[in-house]
Amino acid sequence: MNVKRTPSDQRAFEAEQRARFRQDRMAALDNDAKKAQVVIAQVKGLSSSSLDGMLSADESADCTNQQTTINFSADTNHSDDAT
């Protein structure tokens, strides 16, 4: 259906179309953001539950009690330095 519009009516009509498009696009983006939040929550849940399942209580205690000491002191004697 081809409707004759005045230039001002045409501009108003096009502005309404753009506004509807922006509104629909924002709704779609909002929907995508909500889906992404659900996926992130599921991944976090899977990650924490899989880690809990992989480590037994003894293994978990061993991992938390391990310490690594690295000595970076400058006092080390090198055979080249001795005079």
PDB file of N, CA and C in Angstrom:
ATOM      1  N   MET A   1       0.836  -1.172   0.000  1.00  0.00           N
ATOM      2  CA  MET A   1       0.000   0.000   0.000  1.00  0.00           C
ATOM      3  C   MET A   1       0.887   1.243   0.000  1.00  0.00           C
ATOM      4  N   ASN A   2       0.792   2.021  -1.019  1.00  0.00           N
ATOM      5  CA  ASN A   2       1.610   3.214  -1.180  1.00  0.00           C
ATOM      6  C   ASN A   2       0.797   4.425  -0.751  1.00  0.00           C
ATOM      7  N   VAL A   3       1.155   5.027   0.390  1.00  0.00           N
ATOM      8  CA  VAL A   3       0.415   6.163   0.929  1.00  0.00           C
ATOM      9  C   VAL A   3       1.206   7.429   0.637  1.00  0.00           C
ATOM     10  N   LYS A   4       0.502   8.453   0.113  1.00  0.00           N
ATOM     11  CA  LYS A   4       1.141   9.746  -0.134  1.00  0.00           C
ATOM     12  C   LYS A   4       1.199  10.509   1.184  1.00  0.00           C
ATOM     13  N   ARG A   5       2.404  10.950   1.534  1.00  0.00           N
ATOM     14  CA  ARG A   5       2.593  11.716   2.760  1.00  0.00           C
ATOM     15  C   ARG A   5       3.298  13.024   2.427  1.00  0.00           C
ATOM     16  N   THR A   6       3.010  13.994   3.240  1.00  0.00           N
ATOM     17  CA  THR A   6       3.749  15.250   3.094  1.00  0.00           C
ATOM     18  C   THR A   6       5.168  15.008   3.607  1.00  0.00           C
ATOM     19  N   PRO A   7       6.122  15.820   3.221  1.00  0.00           N
ATOM     20  CA  PRO A   7       7.497  15.621   3.704  1.00  0.00           C
ATOM     21  C   PRO A   7       7.604  15.571   5.233  1.00  0.00           C
ATOM     22  N   SER A   8       6.869  16.433   5.920  1.00  0.00           N
ATOM     23  CA  SER A   8       6.924  16.406   7.389  1.00  0.00           C
ATOM     24  C   SER A   8       6.296  15.131   7.945  1.00  0.00           C
ATOM     25  N   ASP A   9       5.188  14.670   7.331  1.00  0.00           N
ATOM     26  CA  ASP A   9       4.578  13.405   7.760  1.00  0.00           C
ATOM     27  C   ASP A   9       5.510  12.229   7.491  1.00  0.00           C
ATOM     28  N   GLN A  10       6.218  12.267   6.374  1.00  0.00           N
ATOM     29  CA  GLN A  10       7.159  11.199   6.031  1.00  0.00           C
ATOM     30  C   GLN A  10       8.292  11.136   7.060  1.00  0.00           C
ATOM     31  N   ARG A  11       8.810  12.317   7.421  1.00  0.00           N
ATOM     32  CA  ARG A  11       9.878  12.352   8.423  1.00  0.00           C
ATOM     33  C   ARG A  11       9.380  11.826   9.766  1.00  0.00           C
ATOM     34  N   ALA A  12       8.163  12.185  10.141  1.00  0.00           N
ATOM     35  CA  ALA A  12       7.586  11.710  11.406  1.00  0.00           C
ATOM     36  C   ALA A  12       7.387  10.194  11.363  1.00  0.00           C
ATOM     37  N   PHE A  13       6.896   9.713  10.230  1.00  0.00           N
ATOM     38  CA  PHE A  13       6.703   8.269  10.064  1.00  0.00           C
ATOM     39  C   PHE A  13       8.024   7.523  10.174  1.00  0.00           C
ATOM     40  N   GLU A  14       9.066   8.023   9.511  1.00  0.00           N
ATOM     41  CA  GLU A  14      10.391   7.382   9.564  1.00  0.00           C
ATOM     42  C   GLU A  14      10.985   7.442  10.965  1.00  0.00           C
ATOM     43  N   ALA A  15      10.743   8.555  11.669  1.00  0.00           N
ATOM     44  CA  ALA A  15      11.230   8.672  13.046  1.00  0.00           C
ATOM     45  C   ALA A  15      10.544   7.640  13.943  1.00  0.00           C
ATOM     46  N   GLU A  16       9.263   7.425  13.746  1.00  0.00           N
ATOM     47  CA  GLU A  16       8.538   6.410  14.518  1.00  0.00           C
ATOM     48  C   GLU A  16       9.079   5.010  14.219  1.00  0.00           C
ATOM     49  N   GLN A  17       9.368   4.756  12.941  1.00  0.00           N
ATOM     50  CA  GLN A  17       9.937   3.452  12.574  1.00  0.00           C
ATOM     51  C   GLN A  17      11.288   3.237  13.252  1.00  0.00           C
ATOM     52  N   ARG A  18      12.135   4.274  13.236  1.00  0.00           N
ATOM     53  CA  ARG A  18      13.444   4.164  13.883  1.00  0.00           C
ATOM     54  C   ARG A  18      13.293   3.940  15.390  1.00  0.00           C
ATOM     55  N   ALA A  19      12.340   4.632  15.987  1.00  0.00           N
ATOM     56  CA  ALA A  19      12.107   4.474  17.428  1.00  0.00           C
ATOM     57  C   ALA A  19      11.645   3.055  17.746  1.00  0.00           C
ATOM     58  N   ARG A  20      10.755   2.511  16.928  1.00  0.00           N
ATOM     59  CA  ARG A  20      10.314   1.113  17.140  1.00  0.00           C
ATOM     60  C   ARG A  20      11.469   0.147  16.960  1.00  0.00           C
ATOM     61  N   PHE A  21      12.306   0.404  15.943  1.00  0.00           N
ATOM     62  CA  PHE A  21      13.462  -0.456  15.705  1.00  0.00           C
ATOM     63  C   PHE A  21      14.409  -0.420  16.908  1.00  0.00           C
ATOM     64  N   ARG A  22      14.693   0.789  17.414  1.00  0.00           N
ATOM     65  CA  ARG A  22      15.585   0.913  18.578  1.00  0.00           C
ATOM     66  C   ARG A  22      15.000   0.200  19.794  1.00  0.00           C
ATOM     67  N   GLN A  23      13.695   0.332  19.993  1.00  0.00           N
ATOM     68  CA  GLN A  23      13.043  -0.320  21.116  1.00  0.00           C
ATOM     69  C   GLN A  23      13.136  -1.844  20.990  1.00  0.00           C
ATOM     70  N   ASP A  24      12.886  -2.355  19.805  1.00  0.00           N
ATOM     71  CA  ASP A  24      12.987  -3.803  19.572  1.00  0.00           C
ATOM     72  C   ASP A  24      14.420  -4.282  19.762  1.00  0.00           C
ATOM     73  N   ARG A  25      15.382  -3.493  19.273  1.00  0.00           N
ATOM     74  CA  ARG A  25      16.800  -3.866  19.402  1.00  0.00           C
ATOM     75  C   ARG A  25      17.221  -3.882  20.868  1.00  0.00           C
ATOM     76  N   MET A  26      16.780  -2.894  21.644  1.00  0.00           N
ATOM     77  CA  MET A  26      17.107  -2.859  23.071  1.00  0.00           C
ATOM     78  C   MET A  26      16.499  -4.059  23.792  1.00  0.00           C
ATOM     79  N   ALA A  27      15.290  -4.434  23.427  1.00  0.00           N
ATOM     80  CA  ALA A  27      14.657  -5.604  24.042  1.00  0.00           C
ATOM     81  C   ALA A  27      15.444  -6.865  23.704  1.00  0.00           C
ATOM     82  N   ALA A  28      15.905  -6.976  22.461  1.00  0.00           N
ATOM     83  CA  ALA A  28      16.695  -8.147  22.060  1.00  0.00           C
ATOM     84  C   ALA A  28      18.032  -8.177  22.798  1.00  0.00           C
ATOM     85  N   LEU A  29      18.677  -7.034  22.927  1.00  0.00           N
ATOM     86  CA  LEU A  29      19.947  -6.975  23.656  1.00  0.00           C
ATOM     87  C   LEU A  29      19.751  -7.318  25.130  1.00  0.00           C
ATOM     88  N   ASP A  30      18.666  -6.831  25.715  1.00  0.00           N
ATOM     89  CA  ASP A  30      18.360  -7.140  27.114  1.00  0.00           C
ATOM     90  C   ASP A  30      18.138  -8.642  27.288  1.00  0.00           C
ATOM     91  N   ASN A  31      17.428  -9.239  26.337  1.00  0.00           N
ATOM     92  CA  ASN A  31      17.183 -10.681  26.381  1.00  0.00           C
ATOM     93  C   ASN A  31      18.505 -11.454  26.274  1.00  0.00           C
ATOM     94  N   ASP A  32      19.385 -11.024  25.375  1.00  0.00           N
ATOM     95  CA  ASP A  32      20.692 -11.675  25.227  1.00  0.00           C
ATOM     96  C   ASP A  32      21.527 -11.535  26.493  1.00  0.00           C
ATOM     97  N   ALA A  33      21.466 -10.371  27.132  1.00  0.00           N
ATOM     98  CA  ALA A  33      22.219 -10.151  28.367  1.00  0.00           C
ATOM     99  C   ALA A  33      21.715 -11.080  29.476  1.00  0.00           C
ATOM    100  N   LYS A  34      20.411 -11.251  29.560  1.00  0.00           N
ATOM    101  CA  LYS A  34      19.848 -12.154  30.574  1.00  0.00           C
ATOM    102  C   LYS A  34      20.288 -13.598  30.315  1.00  0.00           C
ATOM    103  N   LYS A  35      20.292 -14.008  29.052  1.00  0.00           N
ATOM    104  CA  LYS A  35      20.745 -15.359  28.712  1.00  0.00           C
ATOM    105  C   LYS A  35      22.220 -15.533  29.074  1.00  0.00           C
ATOM    106  N   ALA A  36      23.029 -14.515  28.812  1.00  0.00           N
ATOM    107  CA  ALA A  36      24.450 -14.582  29.138  1.00  0.00           C
ATOM    108  C   ALA A  36      24.653 -14.700  30.645  1.00  0.00           C
ATOM    109  N   GLN A  37      23.863 -13.985  31.428  1.00  0.00           N
ATOM    110  CA  GLN A  37      23.972 -14.078  32.881  1.00  0.00           C
ATOM    111  C   GLN A  37      23.642 -15.484  33.370  1.00  0.00           C
ATOM    112  N   VAL A  38      22.648 -16.107  32.769  1.00  0.00           N
ATOM    113  CA  VAL A  38      22.291 -17.481  33.141  1.00  0.00           C
ATOM    114  C   VAL A  38      23.443 -18.434  32.822  1.00  0.00           C
ATOM    115  N   VAL A  39      24.034 -18.272  31.645  1.00  0.00           N
ATOM    116  CA  VAL A  39      25.149 -19.134  31.244  1.00  0.00           C
ATOM    117  C   VAL A  39      26.340 -18.939  32.182  1.00  0.00           C
ATOM    118  N   ILE A  40      26.642 -17.689  32.528  1.00  0.00           N
ATOM    119  CA  ILE A  40      27.755 -17.418  33.439  1.00  0.00           C
ATOM    120  C   ILE A  40      27.507 -18.072  34.792  1.00  0.00           C
ATOM    121  N   ALA A  41      26.292 -17.961  35.291  1.00  0.00           N
ATOM    122  CA  ALA A  41      25.957 -18.586  36.573  1.00  0.00           C
ATOM    123  C   ALA A  41      26.096 -20.099  36.489  1.00  0.00           C
ATOM    124  N   GLN A  42      25.677 -20.696  35.374  1.00  0.00           N
ATOM    125  CA  GLN A  42      25.801 -22.147  35.213  1.00  0.00           C
ATOM    126  C   GLN A  42      27.266 -22.567  35.156  1.00  0.00           C
ATOM    127  N   VAL A  43      28.090 -21.811  34.453  1.00  0.00           N
ATOM    128  CA  VAL A  43      29.507 -22.141  34.351  1.00  0.00           C
ATOM    129  C   VAL A  43      30.169 -22.042  35.711  1.00  0.00           C
ATOM    130  N   LYS A  44      29.844 -20.987  36.459  1.00  0.00           N
ATOM    131  CA  LYS A  44      30.408 -20.842  37.809  1.00  0.00           C
ATOM    132  C   LYS A  44      29.985 -22.012  38.681  1.00  0.00           C
ATOM    133  N   GLY A  45      28.730 -22.412  38.574  1.00  0.00           N
ATOM    134  CA  GLY A  45      28.244 -23.549  39.355  1.00  0.00           C
ATOM    135  C   GLY A  45      28.931 -24.836  38.969  1.00  0.00           C
ATOM    136  N   LEU A  46      29.113 -25.046  37.668  1.00  0.00           N
ATOM    137  CA  LEU A  46      29.797 -26.255  37.210  1.00  0.00           C
ATOM    138  C   LEU A  46      31.256 -26.249  37.632  1.00  0.00           C
ATOM    139  N   SER A  47      31.902 -25.108  37.547  1.00  0.00           N
ATOM    140  CA  SER A  47      33.317 -25.018  37.903  1.00  0.00           C
ATOM    141  C   SER A  47      33.521 -25.347  39.368  1.00  0.00           C
ATOM    142  N   SER A  48      32.720 -24.762  40.234  1.00  0.00           N
ATOM    143  CA  SER A  48      32.910 -25.009  41.660  1.00  0.00           C
ATOM    144  C   SER A  48      32.524 -26.435  42.033  1.00  0.00           C
ATOM    145  N   SER A  49      31.473 -26.972  41.426  1.00  0.00           N
ATOM    146  CA  SER A  49      31.074 -28.338  41.773  1.00  0.00           C
ATOM    147  C   SER A  49      32.053 -29.358  41.213  1.00  0.00           C
ATOM    148  N   SER A  50      32.633 -29.098  40.042  1.00  0.00           N
ATOM    149  CA  SER A  50      33.580 -30.051  39.479  1.00  0.00           C
ATOM    150  C   SER A  50      34.878 -30.030  40.267  1.00  0.00           C
ATOM    151  N   LEU A  51      35.288 -28.874  40.754  1.00  0.00           N
ATOM    152  CA  LEU A  51      36.493 -28.813  41.581  1.00  0.00           C
ATOM    153  C   LEU A  51      36.265 -29.530  42.898  1.00  0.00           C
ATOM    154  N   ASP A  52      35.093 -29.357  43.486  1.00  0.00           N
ATOM    155  CA  ASP A  52      34.782 -30.035  44.735  1.00  0.00           C
ATOM    156  C   ASP A  52      34.769 -31.547  44.549  1.00  0.00           C
ATOM    157  N   GLY A  53      34.251 -31.993  43.420  1.00  0.00           N
ATOM    158  CA  GLY A  53      34.182 -33.423  43.156  1.00  0.00           C
ATOM    159  C   GLY A  53      35.521 -34.044  42.848  1.00  0.00           C
ATOM    160  N   MET A  54      36.448 -33.258  42.283  1.00  0.00           N
ATOM    161  CA  MET A  54      37.746 -33.794  41.891  1.00  0.00           C
ATOM    162  C   MET A  54      38.670 -33.983  43.086  1.00  0.00           C
ATOM    163  N   LEU A  55      38.553 -33.149  44.080  1.00  0.00           N
ATOM    164  CA  LEU A  55      39.437 -33.229  45.229  1.00  0.00           C
ATOM    165  C   LEU A  55      38.707 -33.867  46.402  1.00  0.00           C
ATOM    166  N   SER A  56      39.303 -34.880  46.968  1.00  0.00           N
ATOM    167  CA  SER A  56      38.748 -35.452  48.183  1.00  0.00           C
ATOM    168  C   SER A  56      39.154 -34.557  49.345  1.00  0.00           C
ATOM    169  N   ALA A  57      38.661 -34.829  50.509  1.00  0.00           N
ATOM    170  CA  ALA A  57      38.985 -34.003  51.674  1.00  0.00           C
ATOM    171  C   ALA A  57      40.472 -34.066  51.987  1.00  0.00           C
ATOM    172  N   ASP A  58      41.081 -35.257  51.880  1.00  0.00           N
ATOM    173  CA  ASP A  58      42.519 -35.387  52.166  1.00  0.00           C
ATOM    174  C   ASP A  58      43.347 -34.633  51.151  1.00  0.00           C
ATOM    175  N   GLU A  59      43.009 -34.747  49.871  1.00  0.00           N
ATOM    176  CA  GLU A  59      43.759 -34.064  48.820  1.00  0.00           C
ATOM    177  C   GLU A  59      43.616 -32.560  48.973  1.00  0.00           C
ATOM    178  N   SER A  60      42.446 -32.136  49.341  1.00  0.00           N
ATOM    179  CA  SER A  60      42.208 -30.715  49.520  1.00  0.00           C
ATOM    180  C   SER A  60      43.056 -30.177  50.657  1.00  0.00           C
ATOM    181  N   ALA A  61      43.142 -30.931  51.750  1.00  0.00           N
ATOM    182  CA  ALA A  61      43.961 -30.513  52.889  1.00  0.00           C
ATOM    183  C   ALA A  61      45.434 -30.477  52.500  1.00  0.00           C
ATOM    184  N   ASP A  62      45.881 -31.468  51.730  1.00  0.00           N
ATOM    185  CA  ASP A  62      47.284 -31.487  51.290  1.00  0.00           C
ATOM    186  C   ASP A  62      47.600 -30.280  50.427  1.00  0.00           C
ATOM    187  N   CYS A  63      46.692 -29.911  49.548  1.00  0.00           N
ATOM    188  CA  CYS A  63      46.930 -28.778  48.651  1.00  0.00           C
ATOM    189  C   CYS A  63      47.011 -27.471  49.427  1.00  0.00           C
ATOM    190  N   THR A  64      46.188 -27.318  50.441  1.00  0.00           N
ATOM    191  CA  THR A  64      46.184 -26.057  51.169  1.00  0.00           C
ATOM    192  C   THR A  64      47.346 -25.966  52.143  1.00  0.00           C
ATOM    193  N   ASN A  65      47.913 -27.098  52.560  1.00  0.00           N
ATOM    194  CA  ASN A  65      49.003 -27.072  53.522  1.00  0.00           C
ATOM    195  C   ASN A  65      50.381 -27.009  52.888  1.00  0.00           C
ATOM    196  N   GLN A  66      50.477 -27.131  51.575  1.00  0.00           N
ATOM    197  CA  GLN A  66      51.771 -27.101  50.907  1.00  0.00           C
ATOM    198  C   GLN A  66      52.280 -25.680  50.830  1.00  0.00           C
ATOM    199  N   GLN A  67      53.589 -25.526  51.083  1.00  0.00           N
ATOM    200  CA  GLN A  67      54.229 -24.229  50.952  1.00  0.00           C
ATOM    201  C   GLN A  67      55.467 -24.387  50.106  1.00  0.00           C
ATOM    202  N   THR A  68      55.757 -23.375  49.344  1.00  0.00           N
ATOM    203  CA  THR A  68      56.966 -23.369  48.541  1.00  0.00           C
ATOM    204  C   THR A  68      57.793 -22.177  48.985  1.00  0.00           C
ATOM    205  N   THR A  69      59.055 -22.423  49.319  1.00  0.00           N
ATOM    206  CA  THR A  69      59.931 -21.346  49.750  1.00  0.00           C
ATOM    207  C   THR A  69      61.014 -21.165  48.711  1.00  0.00           C
ATOM    208  N   ILE A  70      61.182 -19.939  48.279  1.00  0.00           N
ATOM    209  CA  ILE A  70      62.227 -19.620  47.314  1.00  0.00           C
ATOM    210  C   ILE A  70      63.112 -18.579  47.961  1.00  0.00           C
ATOM    211  N   ASN A  71      64.418 -18.837  47.978  1.00  0.00           N
ATOM    212  CA  ASN A  71      65.358 -17.920  48.602  1.00  0.00           C
ATOM    213  C   ASN A  71      65.979 -17.048  47.524  1.00  0.00           C
ATOM    214  N   PHE A  72      65.749 -15.754  47.632  1.00  0.00           N
ATOM    215  CA  PHE A  72      66.290 -14.809  46.666  1.00  0.00           C
ATOM    216  C   PHE A  72      67.373 -13.933  47.301  1.00  0.00           C
ATOM    217  N   SER A  73      67.985 -14.402  48.357  1.00  0.00           N
ATOM    218  CA  SER A  73      68.955 -13.552  49.051  1.00  0.00           C
ATOM    219  C   SER A  73      70.179 -13.316  48.182  1.00  0.00           C
ATOM    220  N   ALA A  74      70.797 -12.154  48.393  1.00  0.00           N
ATOM    221  CA  ALA A  74      71.981 -11.777  47.620  1.00  0.00           C
ATOM    222  C   ALA A  74      73.259 -12.257  48.288  1.00  0.00           C
ATOM    223  N   ASP A  75      73.137 -12.988  49.399  1.00  0.00           N
ATOM    224  CA  ASP A  75      74.303 -13.431  50.157  1.00  0.00           C
ATOM    225  C   ASP A  75      74.939 -14.693  49.605  1.00  0.00           C
ATOM    226  N   THR A  76      74.396 -15.282  48.601  1.00  0.00           N
ATOM    227  CA  THR A  76      74.925 -16.554  48.105  1.00  0.00           C
ATOM    228  C   THR A  76      76.355 -16.394  47.626  1.00  0.00           C
ATOM    229  N   ASN A  77      77.174 -17.333  48.008  1.00  0.00           N
ATOM    230  CA  ASN A  77      78.596 -17.305  47.619  1.00  0.00           C
ATOM    231  C   ASN A  77      78.777 -17.940  46.273  1.00  0.00           C
ATOM    232  N   HIS A  78      79.443 -17.245  45.407  1.00  0.00           N
ATOM    233  CA  HIS A  78      79.778 -17.783  44.098  1.00  0.00           C
ATOM    234  C   HIS A  78      81.289 -17.938  44.035  1.00  0.00           C
ATOM    235  N   SER A  79      81.746 -18.979  43.432  1.00  0.00           N
ATOM    236  CA  SER A  79      83.182 -19.230  43.364  1.00  0.00           C
ATOM    237  C   SER A  79      83.915 -18.121  42.612  1.00  0.00           C
ATOM    238  N   ASP A  80      83.254 -17.435  41.673  1.00  0.00           N
ATOM    239  CA  ASP A  80      83.885 -16.371  40.899  1.00  0.00           C
ATOM    240  C   ASP A  80      84.106 -15.133  41.758  1.00  0.00           C
ATOM    241  N   ASP A  81      83.251 -14.930  42.771  1.00  0.00           N
ATOM    242  CA  ASP A  81      83.301 -13.710  43.566  1.00  0.00           C
ATOM    243  C   ASP A  81      84.422 -13.725  44.602  1.00  0.00           C
ATOM    244  N   ALA A  82      84.911 -14.884  44.969  1.00  0.00           N
ATOM    245  CA  ALA A  82      85.919 -14.994  46.028  1.00  0.00           C
ATOM    246  C   ALA A  82      87.239 -14.427  45.528  1.00  0.00           C
ATOM    247  N   THR A  83      87.894 -13.619  46.400  1.00  0.00           N
ATOM    248  CA  THR A  83      89.191 -13.048  46.011  1.00  0.00           C
ATOM    249  C   THR A  83      90.290 -13.609  46.837  1.00  0.00           C
TER     250      THR A  83
END
